[in-house]
Amino acid sequence: RVERIRHEDGRVIIDELRYAGQTQSIKVQPK
């Protein structure tokens, strides 16, 4: 399973990519 998870708050946007339950990459975009 491939999961793309996005967390967003007032200061940053965090995009996480998981493959088979293991985190492959985390990208952080400050606002």
Full PDB file with SEQRES, HELIX, SHEET, SSBOND, CRYST1, ORIGX, SCALE, CONECT and MASTER records, all heavy atoms in Angstrom:
SEQRES   1 A   31  ARG VAL GLU ARG ILE ARG HIS GLU ASP GLY ARG VAL ILE          
SEQRES   2 A   31  ILE ASP GLU LEU ARG TYR ALA GLY GLN THR GLN SER ILE          
SEQRES   3 A   31  LYS VAL GLN PRO LYS                                          
SHEET    1 AA1 3 VAL A   2  GLU A   8  0                                        
SHEET    2 AA1 3 VAL A  12  TYR A  19 -1                                        
SHEET    3 AA1 3 GLN A  22  PRO A  30 -1                                        
CRYST1    1.000    1.000    1.000  90.00  90.00  90.00 P 1           1          
ORIGX1      1.000000  0.000000  0.000000        0.00000                         
ORIGX2      0.000000  1.000000  0.000000        0.00000                         
ORIGX3      0.000000  0.000000  1.000000        0.00000                         
SCALE1      1.000000  0.000000  0.000000        0.00000                         
SCALE2      0.000000  1.000000  0.000000        0.00000                         
SCALE3      0.000000  0.000000  1.000000        0.00000                         
ATOM      1  N   ARG A   1       0.830  -1.199   0.000  1.00  0.00           N  
ATOM      2  CA  ARG A   1       0.000   0.000   0.000  1.00  0.00           C  
ATOM      3  C   ARG A   1       0.872   1.259   0.000  1.00  0.00           C  
ATOM      4  O   ARG A   1       1.848   1.358   0.726  1.00  0.00           O  
ATOM      5  CB  ARG A   1      -0.902  -0.003   1.222  1.00  0.00           C  
ATOM      6  CG  ARG A   1      -1.841   1.162   1.273  1.00  0.00           C  
ATOM      7  CD  ARG A   1      -2.843   1.044   2.354  1.00  0.00           C  
ATOM      8  NE  ARG A   1      -2.235   0.618   3.606  1.00  0.00           N  
ATOM      9  CZ  ARG A   1      -2.915   0.218   4.644  1.00  0.00           C  
ATOM     10  NH1 ARG A   1      -4.223   0.168   4.599  1.00  0.00           N  
ATOM     11  NH2 ARG A   1      -2.313  -0.160   5.743  1.00  0.00           N  
ATOM     12  N   VAL A   2       0.499   2.228  -0.833  1.00  0.00           N  
ATOM     13  CA  VAL A   2       1.153   3.526  -0.881  1.00  0.00           C  
ATOM     14  C   VAL A   2       0.210   4.541  -0.253  1.00  0.00           C  
ATOM     15  O   VAL A   2      -0.954   4.628  -0.626  1.00  0.00           O  
ATOM     16  CB  VAL A   2       1.476   3.931  -2.336  1.00  0.00           C  
ATOM     17  CG1 VAL A   2       2.061   5.328  -2.382  1.00  0.00           C  
ATOM     18  CG2 VAL A   2       2.419   2.922  -2.966  1.00  0.00           C  
ATOM     19  N   GLU A   3       0.710   5.303   0.726  1.00  0.00           N  
ATOM     20  CA  GLU A   3      -0.112   6.295   1.415  1.00  0.00           C  
ATOM     21  C   GLU A   3       0.542   7.667   1.285  1.00  0.00           C  
ATOM     22  O   GLU A   3       1.742   7.810   1.500  1.00  0.00           O  
ATOM     23  CB  GLU A   3      -0.233   5.955   2.903  1.00  0.00           C  
ATOM     24  CG  GLU A   3      -0.897   4.632   3.170  1.00  0.00           C  
ATOM     25  CD  GLU A   3      -0.853   4.267   4.633  1.00  0.00           C  
ATOM     26  OE1 GLU A   3       0.245   4.253   5.205  1.00  0.00           O  
ATOM     27  OE2 GLU A   3      -1.928   4.023   5.188  1.00  0.00           O  
ATOM     28  N   ARG A   4      -0.253   8.654   0.909  1.00  0.00           N  
ATOM     29  CA  ARG A   4       0.198  10.038   0.876  1.00  0.00           C  
ATOM     30  C   ARG A   4      -0.588  10.793   1.933  1.00  0.00           C  
ATOM     31  O   ARG A   4      -1.804  10.913   1.834  1.00  0.00           O  
ATOM     32  CB  ARG A   4      -0.029  10.629  -0.501  1.00  0.00           C  
ATOM     33  CG  ARG A   4       0.904  10.042  -1.536  1.00  0.00           C  
ATOM     34  CD  ARG A   4       0.635  10.620  -2.913  1.00  0.00           C  
ATOM     35  NE  ARG A   4       1.620  10.171  -3.868  1.00  0.00           N  
ATOM     36  CZ  ARG A   4       1.564   9.011  -4.513  1.00  0.00           C  
ATOM     37  NH1 ARG A   4       0.562   8.196  -4.281  1.00  0.00           N  
ATOM     38  NH2 ARG A   4       2.496   8.671  -5.367  1.00  0.00           N  
ATOM     39  N   ILE A   5       0.119  11.299   2.933  1.00  0.00           N  
ATOM     40  CA  ILE A   5      -0.529  11.950   4.068  1.00  0.00           C  
ATOM     41  C   ILE A   5      -0.113  13.417   4.074  1.00  0.00           C  
ATOM     42  O   ILE A   5       1.072  13.738   3.943  1.00  0.00           O  
ATOM     43  CB  ILE A   5      -0.117  11.276   5.398  1.00  0.00           C  
ATOM     44  CG1 ILE A   5      -0.434   9.785   5.334  1.00  0.00           C  
ATOM     45  CG2 ILE A   5      -0.809  11.940   6.570  1.00  0.00           C  
ATOM     46  CD1 ILE A   5       0.151   8.986   6.459  1.00  0.00           C  
ATOM     47  N   ARG A   6      -1.091  14.318   4.239  1.00  0.00           N  
ATOM     48  CA  ARG A   6      -0.807  15.757   4.274  1.00  0.00           C  
ATOM     49  C   ARG A   6      -1.295  16.329   5.602  1.00  0.00           C  
ATOM     50  O   ARG A   6      -2.456  16.177   5.968  1.00  0.00           O  
ATOM     51  CB  ARG A   6      -1.498  16.467   3.128  1.00  0.00           C  
ATOM     52  CG  ARG A   6      -1.332  17.977   3.194  1.00  0.00           C  
ATOM     53  CD  ARG A   6      -1.879  18.624   1.981  1.00  0.00           C  
ATOM     54  NE  ARG A   6      -0.788  18.631   1.016  1.00  0.00           N  
ATOM     55  CZ  ARG A   6      -0.622  19.577   0.113  1.00  0.00           C  
ATOM     56  NH1 ARG A   6      -1.476  20.540   0.006  1.00  0.00           N  
ATOM     57  NH2 ARG A   6       0.394  19.528  -0.706  1.00  0.00           N  
ATOM     58  N   HIS A   7      -0.371  16.988   6.316  1.00  0.00           N  
ATOM     59  CA  HIS A   7      -0.693  17.700   7.549  1.00  0.00           C  
ATOM     60  C   HIS A   7      -0.454  19.179   7.270  1.00  0.00           C  
ATOM     61  O   HIS A   7       0.551  19.543   6.669  1.00  0.00           O  
ATOM     62  CB  HIS A   7       0.208  17.264   8.716  1.00  0.00           C  
ATOM     63  CG  HIS A   7       0.074  15.821   9.067  1.00  0.00           C  
ATOM     64  ND1 HIS A   7      -0.943  15.349   9.838  1.00  0.00           N  
ATOM     65  CD2 HIS A   7       0.830  14.743   8.740  1.00  0.00           C  
ATOM     66  CE1 HIS A   7      -0.809  14.035   9.975  1.00  0.00           C  
ATOM     67  NE2 HIS A   7       0.262  13.650   9.321  1.00  0.00           N  
ATOM     68  N   GLU A   8      -1.380  20.006   7.730  1.00  0.00           N  
ATOM     69  CA  GLU A   8      -1.248  21.431   7.480  1.00  0.00           C  
ATOM     70  C   GLU A   8      -1.685  22.202   8.720  1.00  0.00           C  
ATOM     71  O   GLU A   8      -2.688  21.880   9.348  1.00  0.00           O  
ATOM     72  CB  GLU A   8      -2.124  21.822   6.283  1.00  0.00           C  
ATOM     73  CG  GLU A   8      -1.996  23.255   5.872  1.00  0.00           C  
ATOM     74  CD  GLU A   8      -2.731  23.548   4.591  1.00  0.00           C  
ATOM     75  OE1 GLU A   8      -3.161  22.608   3.899  1.00  0.00           O  
ATOM     76  OE2 GLU A   8      -2.875  24.742   4.284  1.00  0.00           O  
ATOM     77  N   ASP A   9      -0.877  23.206   9.080  1.00  0.00           N  
ATOM     78  CA  ASP A   9      -1.287  24.100  10.160  1.00  0.00           C  
ATOM     79  C   ASP A   9      -1.004  25.528   9.702  1.00  0.00           C  
ATOM     80  O   ASP A   9      -0.830  25.781   8.516  1.00  0.00           O  
ATOM     81  CB  ASP A   9      -0.607  23.748  11.482  1.00  0.00           C  
ATOM     82  CG  ASP A   9       0.894  23.922  11.472  1.00  0.00           C  
ATOM     83  OD1 ASP A   9       1.434  24.457  10.488  1.00  0.00           O  
ATOM     84  OD2 ASP A   9       1.540  23.541  12.457  1.00  0.00           O  
ATOM     85  N   GLY A  10      -0.947  26.461  10.604  1.00  0.00           N  
ATOM     86  CA  GLY A  10      -0.780  27.856  10.251  1.00  0.00           C  
ATOM     87  C   GLY A  10       0.601  28.212   9.732  1.00  0.00           C  
ATOM     88  O   GLY A  10       0.778  29.250   9.102  1.00  0.00           O  
ATOM     89  N   ARG A  11       1.596  27.358   9.976  1.00  0.00           N  
ATOM     90  CA  ARG A  11       2.972  27.696   9.600  1.00  0.00           C  
ATOM     91  C   ARG A  11       3.579  26.815   8.527  1.00  0.00           C  
ATOM     92  O   ARG A  11       4.452  27.272   7.789  1.00  0.00           O  
ATOM     93  CB  ARG A  11       3.855  27.683  10.838  1.00  0.00           C  
ATOM     94  CG  ARG A  11       3.398  28.697  11.865  1.00  0.00           C  
ATOM     95  CD  ARG A  11       4.294  28.846  13.048  1.00  0.00           C  
ATOM     96  NE  ARG A  11       5.059  27.663  13.403  1.00  0.00           N  
ATOM     97  CZ  ARG A  11       5.712  27.521  14.529  1.00  0.00           C  
ATOM     98  NH1 ARG A  11       5.675  28.483  15.421  1.00  0.00           N  
ATOM     99  NH2 ARG A  11       6.382  26.433  14.792  1.00  0.00           N  
ATOM    100  N   VAL A  12       3.190  25.534   8.440  1.00  0.00           N  
ATOM    101  CA  VAL A  12       3.830  24.628   7.481  1.00  0.00           C  
ATOM    102  C   VAL A  12       2.821  23.666   6.855  1.00  0.00           C  
ATOM    103  O   VAL A  12       1.742  23.432   7.392  1.00  0.00           O  
ATOM    104  CB  VAL A  12       4.952  23.779   8.138  1.00  0.00           C  
ATOM    105  CG1 VAL A  12       6.087  24.638   8.615  1.00  0.00           C  
ATOM    106  CG2 VAL A  12       4.417  22.929   9.241  1.00  0.00           C  
ATOM    107  N   ILE A  13       3.216  23.106   5.712  1.00  0.00           N  
ATOM    108  CA  ILE A  13       2.498  22.001   5.074  1.00  0.00           C  
ATOM    109  C   ILE A  13       3.484  20.836   5.028  1.00  0.00           C  
ATOM    110  O   ILE A  13       4.599  20.973   4.534  1.00  0.00           O  
ATOM    111  CB  ILE A  13       2.056  22.355   3.648  1.00  0.00           C  
ATOM    112  CG1 ILE A  13       1.101  23.546   3.668  1.00  0.00           C  
ATOM    113  CG2 ILE A  13       1.406  21.147   2.978  1.00  0.00           C  
ATOM    114  CD1 ILE A  13       0.773  24.078   2.292  1.00  0.00           C  
ATOM    115  N   ILE A  14       3.078  19.689   5.559  1.00  0.00           N  
ATOM    116  CA  ILE A  14       3.946  18.511   5.606  1.00  0.00           C  
ATOM    117  C   ILE A  14       3.306  17.419   4.766  1.00  0.00           C  
ATOM    118  O   ILE A  14       2.176  17.013   5.010  1.00  0.00           O  
ATOM    119  CB  ILE A  14       4.139  18.019   7.049  1.00  0.00           C  
ATOM    120  CG1 ILE A  14       4.743  19.128   7.905  1.00  0.00           C  
ATOM    121  CG2 ILE A  14       5.016  16.765   7.069  1.00  0.00           C  
ATOM    122  CD1 ILE A  14       4.759  18.827   9.373  1.00  0.00           C  
ATOM    123  N   ASP A  15       4.039  16.954   3.738  1.00  0.00           N  
ATOM    124  CA  ASP A  15       3.590  15.852   2.894  1.00  0.00           C  
ATOM    125  C   ASP A  15       4.459  14.639   3.196  1.00  0.00           C  
ATOM    126  O   ASP A  15       5.688  14.712   3.100  1.00  0.00           O  
ATOM    127  CB  ASP A  15       3.701  16.212   1.410  1.00  0.00           C  
ATOM    128  CG  ASP A  15       2.712  17.279   1.007  1.00  0.00           C  
ATOM    129  OD1 ASP A  15       1.538  17.157   1.408  1.00  0.00           O  
ATOM    130  OD2 ASP A  15       3.097  18.215   0.292  1.00  0.00           O  
ATOM    131  N   GLU A  16       3.821  13.522   3.553  1.00  0.00           N  
ATOM    132  CA  GLU A  16       4.540  12.294   3.903  1.00  0.00           C  
ATOM    133  C   GLU A  16       4.153  11.198   2.924  1.00  0.00           C  
ATOM    134  O   GLU A  16       2.984  11.041   2.586  1.00  0.00           O  
ATOM    135  CB  GLU A  16       4.189  11.878   5.323  1.00  0.00           C  
ATOM    136  CG  GLU A  16       4.898  10.630   5.778  1.00  0.00           C  
ATOM    137  CD  GLU A  16       4.556  10.261   7.214  1.00  0.00           C  
ATOM    138  OE1 GLU A  16       3.840  11.015   7.887  1.00  0.00           O  
ATOM    139  OE2 GLU A  16       5.003   9.189   7.644  1.00  0.00           O  
ATOM    140  N   LEU A  17       5.132  10.448   2.452  1.00  0.00           N  
ATOM    141  CA  LEU A  17       4.907   9.319   1.562  1.00  0.00           C  
ATOM    142  C   LEU A  17       5.310   8.048   2.289  1.00  0.00           C  
ATOM    143  O   LEU A  17       6.439   7.929   2.773  1.00  0.00           O  
ATOM    144  CB  LEU A  17       5.721   9.466   0.281  1.00  0.00           C  
ATOM    145  CG  LEU A  17       5.663   8.299  -0.690  1.00  0.00           C  
ATOM    146  CD1 LEU A  17       4.257   8.147  -1.261  1.00  0.00           C  
ATOM    147  CD2 LEU A  17       6.667   8.472  -1.797  1.00  0.00           C  
ATOM    148  N   ARG A  18       4.365   7.108   2.404  1.00  0.00           N  
ATOM    149  CA  ARG A  18       4.640   5.815   3.038  1.00  0.00           C  
ATOM    150  C   ARG A  18       4.408   4.706   2.030  1.00  0.00           C  
ATOM    151  O   ARG A  18       3.438   4.721   1.289  1.00  0.00           O  
ATOM    152  CB  ARG A  18       3.716   5.577   4.225  1.00  0.00           C  
ATOM    153  CG  ARG A  18       3.983   6.458   5.397  1.00  0.00           C  
ATOM    154  CD  ARG A  18       3.077   6.107   6.535  1.00  0.00           C  
ATOM    155  NE  ARG A  18       3.223   7.051   7.635  1.00  0.00           N  
ATOM    156  CZ  ARG A  18       2.486   7.044   8.704  1.00  0.00           C  
ATOM    157  NH1 ARG A  18       1.536   6.151   8.851  1.00  0.00           N  
ATOM    158  NH2 ARG A  18       2.675   7.939   9.634  1.00  0.00           N  
ATOM    159  N   TYR A  19       5.302   3.738   2.024  1.00  0.00           N  
ATOM    160  CA  TYR A  19       5.174   2.557   1.183  1.00  0.00           C  
ATOM    161  C   TYR A  19       5.252   1.351   2.098  1.00  0.00           C  
ATOM    162  O   TYR A  19       6.223   1.181   2.825  1.00  0.00           O  
ATOM    163  CB  TYR A  19       6.287   2.513   0.136  1.00  0.00           C  
ATOM    164  CG  TYR A  19       6.241   1.281  -0.738  1.00  0.00           C  
ATOM    165  CD1 TYR A  19       5.270   1.148  -1.721  1.00  0.00           C  
ATOM    166  CD2 TYR A  19       7.147   0.254  -0.576  1.00  0.00           C  
ATOM    167  CE1 TYR A  19       5.221   0.031  -2.525  1.00  0.00           C  
ATOM    168  CE2 TYR A  19       7.106  -0.872  -1.369  1.00  0.00           C  
ATOM    169  CZ  TYR A  19       6.136  -0.981  -2.339  1.00  0.00           C  
ATOM    170  OH  TYR A  19       6.074  -2.094  -3.124  1.00  0.00           O  
ATOM    171  N   ALA A  20       4.210   0.532   2.090  1.00  0.00           N  
ATOM    172  CA  ALA A  20       4.119  -0.667   2.934  1.00  0.00           C  
ATOM    173  C   ALA A  20       4.270  -0.310   4.410  1.00  0.00           C  
ATOM    174  O   ALA A  20       4.887  -1.036   5.170  1.00  0.00           O  
ATOM    175  CB  ALA A  20       5.154  -1.706   2.514  1.00  0.00           C  
ATOM    176  N   GLY A  21       3.735   0.849   4.821  1.00  0.00           N  
ATOM    177  CA  GLY A  21       3.776   1.250   6.215  1.00  0.00           C  
ATOM    178  C   GLY A  21       5.073   1.905   6.648  1.00  0.00           C  
ATOM    179  O   GLY A  21       5.184   2.376   7.771  1.00  0.00           O  
ATOM    180  N   GLN A  22       6.080   1.959   5.773  1.00  0.00           N  
ATOM    181  CA  GLN A  22       7.368   2.563   6.093  1.00  0.00           C  
ATOM    182  C   GLN A  22       7.458   3.944   5.449  1.00  0.00           C  
ATOM    183  O   GLN A  22       7.169   4.110   4.269  1.00  0.00           O  
ATOM    184  CB  GLN A  22       8.519   1.693   5.576  1.00  0.00           C  
ATOM    185  CG  GLN A  22       8.552   0.306   6.160  1.00  0.00           C  
ATOM    186  CD  GLN A  22       8.876   0.320   7.633  1.00  0.00           C  
ATOM    187  OE1 GLN A  22       9.725   1.076   8.088  1.00  0.00           O  
ATOM    188  NE2 GLN A  22       8.197  -0.516   8.398  1.00  0.00           N  
ATOM    189  N   THR A  23       7.879   4.945   6.208  1.00  0.00           N  
ATOM    190  CA  THR A  23       8.013   6.298   5.673  1.00  0.00           C  
ATOM    191  C   THR A  23       9.158   6.335   4.682  1.00  0.00           C  
ATOM    192  O   THR A  23      10.281   5.936   4.982  1.00  0.00           O  
ATOM    193  CB  THR A  23       8.276   7.298   6.815  1.00  0.00           C  
ATOM    194  OG1 THR A  23       7.176   7.246   7.720  1.00  0.00           O  
ATOM    195  CG2 THR A  23       8.434   8.703   6.280  1.00  0.00           C  
ATOM    196  N   GLN A  24       8.865   6.824   3.470  1.00  0.00           N  
ATOM    197  CA  GLN A  24       9.871   6.937   2.426  1.00  0.00           C  
ATOM    198  C   GLN A  24      10.403   8.366   2.326  1.00  0.00           C  
ATOM    199  O   GLN A  24      11.589   8.566   2.116  1.00  0.00           O  
ATOM    200  CB  GLN A  24       9.297   6.505   1.074  1.00  0.00           C  
ATOM    201  CG  GLN A  24       8.849   5.065   1.038  1.00  0.00           C  
ATOM    202  CD  GLN A  24       9.976   4.089   1.275  1.00  0.00           C  
ATOM    203  OE1 GLN A  24      11.044   4.207   0.692  1.00  0.00           O  
ATOM    204  NE2 GLN A  24       9.759   3.127   2.152  1.00  0.00           N  
ATOM    205  N   SER A  25       9.516   9.353   2.433  1.00  0.00           N  
ATOM    206  CA  SER A  25       9.961  10.742   2.376  1.00  0.00           C  
ATOM    207  C   SER A  25       8.986  11.629   3.126  1.00  0.00           C  
ATOM    208  O   SER A  25       7.804  11.337   3.223  1.00  0.00           O  
ATOM    209  CB  SER A  25      10.097  11.214   0.928  1.00  0.00           C  
ATOM    210  OG  SER A  25       8.821  11.311   0.328  1.00  0.00           O  
ATOM    211  N   ILE A  26       9.531  12.738   3.637  1.00  0.00           N  
ATOM    212  CA  ILE A  26       8.742  13.758   4.312  1.00  0.00           C  
ATOM    213  C   ILE A  26       9.185  15.096   3.736  1.00  0.00           C  
ATOM    214  O   ILE A  26      10.368  15.444   3.808  1.00  0.00           O  
ATOM    215  CB  ILE A  26       8.967  13.748   5.838  1.00  0.00           C  
ATOM    216  CG1 ILE A  26       8.599  12.392   6.420  1.00  0.00           C  
ATOM    217  CG2 ILE A  26       8.177  14.868   6.493  1.00  0.00           C  
ATOM    218  CD1 ILE A  26       9.000  12.220   7.864  1.00  0.00           C  
ATOM    219  N   LYS A  27       8.254  15.835   3.132  1.00  0.00           N  
ATOM    220  CA  LYS A  27       8.560  17.140   2.562  1.00  0.00           C  
ATOM    221  C   LYS A  27       7.851  18.210   3.373  1.00  0.00           C  
ATOM    222  O   LYS A  27       6.661  18.113   3.641  1.00  0.00           O  
ATOM    223  CB  LYS A  27       8.127  17.201   1.104  1.00  0.00           C  
ATOM    224  CG  LYS A  27       8.907  16.243   0.239  1.00  0.00           C  
ATOM    225  CD  LYS A  27       8.465  16.269  -1.195  1.00  0.00           C  
ATOM    226  CE  LYS A  27       9.250  15.214  -1.965  1.00  0.00           C  
ATOM    227  NZ  LYS A  27       8.750  15.041  -3.311  1.00  0.00           N  
ATOM    228  N   VAL A  28       8.606  19.249   3.753  1.00  0.00           N  
ATOM    229  CA  VAL A  28       8.081  20.325   4.584  1.00  0.00           C  
ATOM    230  C   VAL A  28       8.144  21.623   3.789  1.00  0.00           C  
ATOM    231  O   VAL A  28       9.206  21.990   3.282  1.00  0.00           O  
ATOM    232  CB  VAL A  28       8.898  20.462   5.893  1.00  0.00           C  
ATOM    233  CG1 VAL A  28       8.353  21.595   6.740  1.00  0.00           C  
ATOM    234  CG2 VAL A  28       8.901  19.146   6.651  1.00  0.00           C  
ATOM    235  N   GLN A  29       7.002  22.303   3.660  1.00  0.00           N  
ATOM    236  CA  GLN A  29       6.928  23.584   2.966  1.00  0.00           C  
ATOM    237  C   GLN A  29       6.453  24.643   3.960  1.00  0.00           C  
ATOM    238  O   GLN A  29       5.280  24.685   4.302  1.00  0.00           O  
ATOM    239  CB  GLN A  29       5.961  23.502   1.783  1.00  0.00           C  
ATOM    240  CG  GLN A  29       5.720  24.831   1.088  1.00  0.00           C  
ATOM    241  CD  GLN A  29       6.974  25.383   0.437  1.00  0.00           C  
ATOM    242  OE1 GLN A  29       7.615  24.698  -0.338  1.00  0.00           O  
ATOM    243  NE2 GLN A  29       7.336  26.592   0.783  1.00  0.00           N  
ATOM    244  N   PRO A  30       7.360  25.498   4.449  1.00  0.00           N  
ATOM    245  CA  PRO A  30       6.933  26.568   5.345  1.00  0.00           C  
ATOM    246  C   PRO A  30       6.065  27.578   4.593  1.00  0.00           C  
ATOM    247  O   PRO A  30       6.273  27.837   3.416  1.00  0.00           O  
ATOM    248  CB  PRO A  30       8.251  27.210   5.795  1.00  0.00           C  
ATOM    249  CG  PRO A  30       9.296  26.184   5.514  1.00  0.00           C  
ATOM    250  CD  PRO A  30       8.807  25.422   4.337  1.00  0.00           C  
ATOM    251  N   LYS A  31       5.111  28.178   5.283  1.00  0.00           N  
ATOM    252  CA  LYS A  31       4.211  29.137   4.652  1.00  0.00           C  
ATOM    253  C   LYS A  31       4.754  30.570   4.707  1.00  0.00           C  
ATOM    254  O   LYS A  31       4.177  31.457   4.114  1.00  0.00           O  
ATOM    255  CB  LYS A  31       2.838  29.089   5.330  1.00  0.00           C  
ATOM    256  CG  LYS A  31       2.088  27.816   5.049  1.00  0.00           C  
ATOM    257  CD  LYS A  31       0.707  27.877   5.641  1.00  0.00           C  
ATOM    258  CE  LYS A  31      -0.082  26.633   5.301  1.00  0.00           C  
ATOM    259  NZ  LYS A  31      -1.423  26.687   5.891  1.00  0.00           N  
TER     260      LYS A  31                                                      
MASTER        0    0    0    0    3    0    0    6  259    1    0    3          
END                                                                             
